[in-house]
Amino acid sequence: MTRPPITSQKSGPTYQHEQKHSGIVCGVDEVGRGPWAGPVLTAAVILDPDNIPDGLNDSKKLTKKKREALYPLIMATATVGFGEATVEEIDHHNILQATLIAMERAVVNLRIKPDHALVDGNQLPKLICPASCIKKGDSISLSIAAASIIAKVKRDFLMKKLGESYPEYGWKDNAGYGTSHHAQALRLVGPSRFHRKSFAPIHNLISQGIAIRD
């Protein structure tokens, strides 16, 4: 474990954006905006600048094995808060607003109140502290990269557990995303109560009179 680089690196995220702000800084990211099923999950992470696990990066750029190896290291060395917006909230508010709500919850659930939050993307949630957006922040900021890993591993595990009750959709492998296998299962058995009814593939099936399964 080494102190993060002060100067920028081409190879991955750095701690530069965190160092621009005084006090405690957290990174915030989401996972699950695109899937047809399951909640959207967010994480807020306050890294210890003297004890940052090596190899942090945008979760999408890491293998499943690498993400799962980094997860316990982040949990052991950082302060982490989780947020979730349910399928019902996604359908009620829309996916963007539900994501922002989940981000608010993640920051509130930190045991330490941050002085500033770095949020991935270009939309700021209503947070309990000042905040700034960073486009593609999970590839730029180490704190956001850590949040992306934590949220991804947590949501994948959640969808795997849900998939044990609904194995036909293949959630243990697709995490609720719209794969061809998932689409075929929807046509064969219809949607479950964990599907997002406001999303077009599900909405269209319901409009055709196909019932939602318990």
Protein backbone atom coordinates (compact mmCIF):
# COMPACT_ATOMS: atom_id res chain seq x y z
CA MET A 1 0.00 0.00 0.00
CA THR A 2 1.46 3.37 -0.99
CA ARG A 3 0.37 6.99 -0.95
CA PRO A 4 -1.56 7.76 -4.15
CA PRO A 5 0.15 9.75 -6.89
CA ILE A 6 -0.14 13.55 -6.74
CA THR A 7 0.50 14.02 -10.43
CA SER A 8 -1.82 12.59 -13.08
CA GLN A 9 -1.14 9.21 -14.66
CA LYS A 10 -2.25 7.98 -18.05
CA SER A 11 -2.69 4.46 -16.73
CA GLY A 12 -5.63 5.05 -14.42
CA PRO A 13 -7.32 7.16 -11.76
CA THR A 14 -5.37 9.26 -9.25
CA TYR A 15 -6.02 11.11 -5.99
CA GLN A 16 -5.66 14.57 -7.56
CA HIS A 17 -9.32 15.56 -7.46
CA GLU A 18 -9.58 14.58 -3.81
CA GLN A 19 -6.56 16.73 -2.98
CA LYS A 20 -8.23 19.82 -4.45
CA HIS A 21 -10.66 19.87 -1.52
CA SER A 22 -9.98 20.32 2.15
CA GLY A 23 -11.29 17.94 4.76
CA ILE A 24 -12.90 14.56 4.16
CA VAL A 25 -13.73 13.71 0.55
CA CYS A 26 -15.85 10.80 -0.66
CA GLY A 27 -16.37 9.36 -4.11
CA VAL A 28 -19.85 8.34 -5.24
CA ASP A 29 -20.86 6.02 -8.08
CA GLU A 30 -23.78 3.88 -9.20
CA VAL A 31 -24.32 0.49 -10.78
CA GLY A 32 -27.48 -0.76 -12.40
CA ARG A 33 -29.03 2.03 -14.45
CA GLY A 34 -29.32 -0.13 -17.56
CA PRO A 35 -30.63 -3.54 -16.39
CA TRP A 36 -34.22 -4.65 -16.93
CA ALA A 37 -34.48 -6.01 -13.40
CA GLY A 38 -33.34 -5.32 -9.87
CA PRO A 39 -32.54 -2.16 -7.93
CA VAL A 40 -30.00 0.51 -8.77
CA LEU A 41 -27.20 0.40 -6.20
CA THR A 42 -24.80 3.17 -5.20
CA ALA A 43 -21.74 3.43 -3.00
CA ALA A 44 -19.96 6.32 -1.31
CA VAL A 45 -16.33 5.70 -0.36
CA ILE A 46 -13.91 7.70 1.78
CA LEU A 47 -10.43 6.38 1.14
CA ASP A 48 -7.57 6.53 3.63
CA PRO A 49 -4.94 8.38 1.54
CA ASP A 50 -2.17 6.51 3.36
CA ASN A 51 -3.68 3.09 2.76
CA ILE A 52 -5.24 2.81 -0.68
CA PRO A 53 -5.38 -0.66 -2.25
CA ASP A 54 -3.37 -1.04 -5.43
CA GLY A 55 -5.18 -1.58 -8.70
CA LEU A 56 -8.28 0.60 -8.24
CA ASN A 57 -9.93 1.50 -11.52
CA ASP A 58 -13.30 1.82 -13.20
CA SER A 59 -15.07 -1.44 -12.34
CA LYS A 60 -15.91 -1.99 -16.02
CA LYS A 61 -12.19 -2.11 -16.82
CA LEU A 62 -11.52 -4.83 -14.25
CA THR A 63 -12.20 -8.54 -14.41
CA LYS A 64 -14.76 -10.08 -12.08
CA LYS A 65 -11.93 -11.81 -10.23
CA LYS A 66 -10.05 -8.54 -9.75
CA ARG A 67 -13.17 -6.68 -8.55
CA GLU A 68 -13.94 -9.40 -6.04
CA ALA A 69 -10.34 -9.36 -4.79
CA LEU A 70 -10.41 -5.59 -4.31
CA TYR A 71 -13.81 -5.52 -2.56
CA PRO A 72 -12.62 -6.77 0.87
CA LEU A 73 -9.50 -4.63 0.68
CA ILE A 74 -11.58 -1.50 0.12
CA MET A 75 -14.02 -2.49 2.87
CA ALA A 76 -11.13 -3.04 5.28
CA THR A 77 -9.29 0.23 4.58
CA ALA A 78 -12.02 2.74 3.67
CA THR A 79 -15.27 4.12 5.03
CA VAL A 80 -18.17 2.91 2.88
CA GLY A 81 -21.86 3.81 2.64
CA PHE A 82 -24.42 2.02 0.47
CA GLY A 83 -27.56 3.35 -1.15
CA GLU A 84 -30.33 1.62 -3.06
CA ALA A 85 -33.40 2.57 -5.03
CA THR A 86 -35.95 -0.18 -5.47
CA VAL A 87 -37.67 -1.30 -8.64
CA GLU A 88 -40.81 0.45 -7.40
CA GLU A 89 -38.90 3.71 -6.96
CA ILE A 90 -37.35 3.37 -10.40
CA ASP A 91 -40.79 2.89 -11.95
CA HIS A 92 -42.27 5.78 -9.95
CA HIS A 93 -39.54 8.39 -10.40
CA ASN A 94 -37.63 7.21 -13.54
CA ILE A 95 -34.17 5.69 -13.51
CA LEU A 96 -32.22 8.97 -13.36
CA GLN A 97 -34.11 10.35 -10.36
CA ALA A 98 -34.00 6.98 -8.61
CA THR A 99 -30.22 6.87 -9.10
CA LEU A 100 -29.82 10.33 -7.59
CA ILE A 101 -31.96 9.27 -4.61
CA ALA A 102 -29.77 6.19 -4.13
CA MET A 103 -26.65 8.38 -4.22
CA GLU A 104 -28.13 10.62 -1.51
CA ARG A 105 -28.71 7.54 0.64
CA ALA A 106 -25.17 6.25 0.14
CA VAL A 107 -23.65 9.50 1.41
CA VAL A 108 -26.08 9.68 4.34
CA ASN A 109 -25.14 6.10 5.26
CA LEU A 110 -21.46 6.94 5.67
CA ARG A 111 -20.57 6.80 9.36
CA ILE A 112 -18.47 9.95 8.81
CA LYS A 113 -20.00 13.05 7.23
CA PRO A 114 -17.81 14.14 4.29
CA ASP A 115 -16.82 17.73 3.62
CA HIS A 116 -17.08 17.22 -0.13
CA ALA A 117 -18.36 14.56 -2.51
CA LEU A 118 -17.03 13.69 -5.95
CA VAL A 119 -19.90 12.28 -8.01
CA ASP A 120 -19.50 10.28 -11.19
CA GLY A 121 -21.42 11.72 -14.15
CA ASN A 122 -22.96 15.09 -14.91
CA GLN A 123 -25.95 15.23 -12.51
CA LEU A 124 -25.63 16.16 -8.86
CA PRO A 125 -27.90 14.57 -6.25
CA LYS A 126 -29.08 16.59 -3.26
CA LEU A 127 -26.36 15.74 -0.79
CA ILE A 128 -25.65 16.66 2.83
CA CYS A 129 -22.35 18.24 1.77
CA PRO A 130 -20.93 20.28 -1.12
CA ALA A 131 -20.30 18.19 -4.21
CA SER A 132 -18.94 18.28 -7.73
CA CYS A 133 -19.49 16.11 -10.80
CA ILE A 134 -16.72 14.39 -12.69
CA LYS A 135 -17.56 12.93 -16.08
CA LYS A 136 -16.12 9.43 -16.36
CA GLY A 137 -15.02 9.91 -12.78
CA ASP A 138 -14.50 6.20 -12.19
CA SER A 139 -11.55 6.39 -14.62
CA ILE A 140 -10.18 9.61 -13.09
CA SER A 141 -10.73 9.63 -9.32
CA LEU A 142 -9.53 6.84 -7.05
CA SER A 143 -12.42 7.41 -4.62
CA ILE A 144 -15.02 7.12 -7.39
CA ALA A 145 -13.23 4.09 -8.81
CA ALA A 146 -13.43 2.43 -5.40
CA ALA A 147 -17.14 3.27 -5.20
CA SER A 148 -17.73 1.75 -8.63
CA ILE A 149 -16.06 -1.51 -7.57
CA ILE A 150 -17.95 -1.71 -4.28
CA ALA A 151 -21.31 -1.00 -5.93
CA LYS A 152 -20.69 -3.45 -8.78
CA VAL A 153 -19.68 -6.37 -6.56
CA LYS A 154 -22.52 -5.69 -4.13
CA ARG A 155 -25.15 -5.52 -6.86
CA ASP A 156 -23.85 -8.59 -8.70
CA PHE A 157 -24.12 -10.56 -5.45
CA LEU A 158 -27.64 -9.24 -4.85
CA MET A 159 -28.78 -10.24 -8.35
CA LYS A 160 -27.20 -13.67 -7.95
CA LYS A 161 -29.23 -14.19 -4.77
CA LEU A 162 -32.44 -13.00 -6.47
CA GLY A 163 -31.62 -15.29 -9.36
CA GLU A 164 -31.80 -18.30 -7.08
CA SER A 165 -35.56 -17.76 -6.93
CA TYR A 166 -35.83 -16.92 -10.64
CA PRO A 167 -33.15 -19.03 -12.36
CA GLU A 168 -34.81 -18.89 -15.77
CA TYR A 169 -33.71 -15.27 -16.35
CA GLY A 170 -30.00 -15.99 -15.86
CA TRP A 171 -29.46 -13.17 -13.39
CA LYS A 172 -26.45 -14.87 -11.81
CA ASP A 173 -24.66 -14.29 -15.12
CA ASN A 174 -26.34 -11.20 -16.62
CA ALA A 175 -27.16 -9.25 -13.39
CA GLY A 176 -30.51 -8.29 -14.88
CA TYR A 177 -29.14 -6.76 -18.09
CA GLY A 178 -30.98 -7.28 -21.36
CA THR A 179 -29.15 -10.27 -22.81
CA SER A 180 -30.69 -12.52 -25.45
CA HIS A 181 -31.15 -15.22 -22.81
CA HIS A 182 -32.99 -12.77 -20.55
CA ALA A 183 -35.20 -11.59 -23.42
CA GLN A 184 -36.09 -15.16 -24.39
CA ALA A 185 -37.00 -16.02 -20.80
CA LEU A 186 -39.29 -12.99 -20.61
CA ARG A 187 -41.13 -14.14 -23.72
CA LEU A 188 -41.48 -17.68 -22.36
CA VAL A 189 -42.45 -17.07 -18.71
CA GLY A 190 -43.20 -13.34 -18.49
CA PRO A 191 -41.76 -10.73 -16.12
CA SER A 192 -41.27 -11.08 -12.37
CA ARG A 193 -42.05 -8.54 -9.67
CA PHE A 194 -38.37 -7.60 -9.71
CA HIS A 195 -38.53 -6.41 -13.31
CA ARG A 196 -38.72 -2.69 -14.09
CA LYS A 197 -42.20 -2.19 -15.51
CA SER A 198 -41.32 1.28 -16.85
CA PHE A 199 -38.60 -0.16 -19.10
CA ALA A 200 -39.75 -0.74 -22.67
CA PRO A 201 -39.21 -4.54 -22.97
CA ILE A 202 -41.21 -5.13 -19.77
CA HIS A 203 -43.79 -2.42 -20.44
CA ASN A 204 -44.48 -3.88 -23.88
CA LEU A 205 -45.09 -7.36 -22.47
CA ILE A 206 -47.47 -6.01 -19.83
CA SER A 207 -49.29 -4.02 -22.52
CA GLN A 208 -49.84 -7.30 -24.36
CA GLY A 209 -51.63 -8.66 -21.32
CA ILE A 210 -48.80 -10.83 -19.97
CA ALA A 211 -49.09 -11.07 -16.18
CA ILE A 212 -46.36 -10.30 -13.70
CA ARG A 213 -45.17 -13.31 -11.72
CA ASP A 214 -44.80 -13.30 -7.96
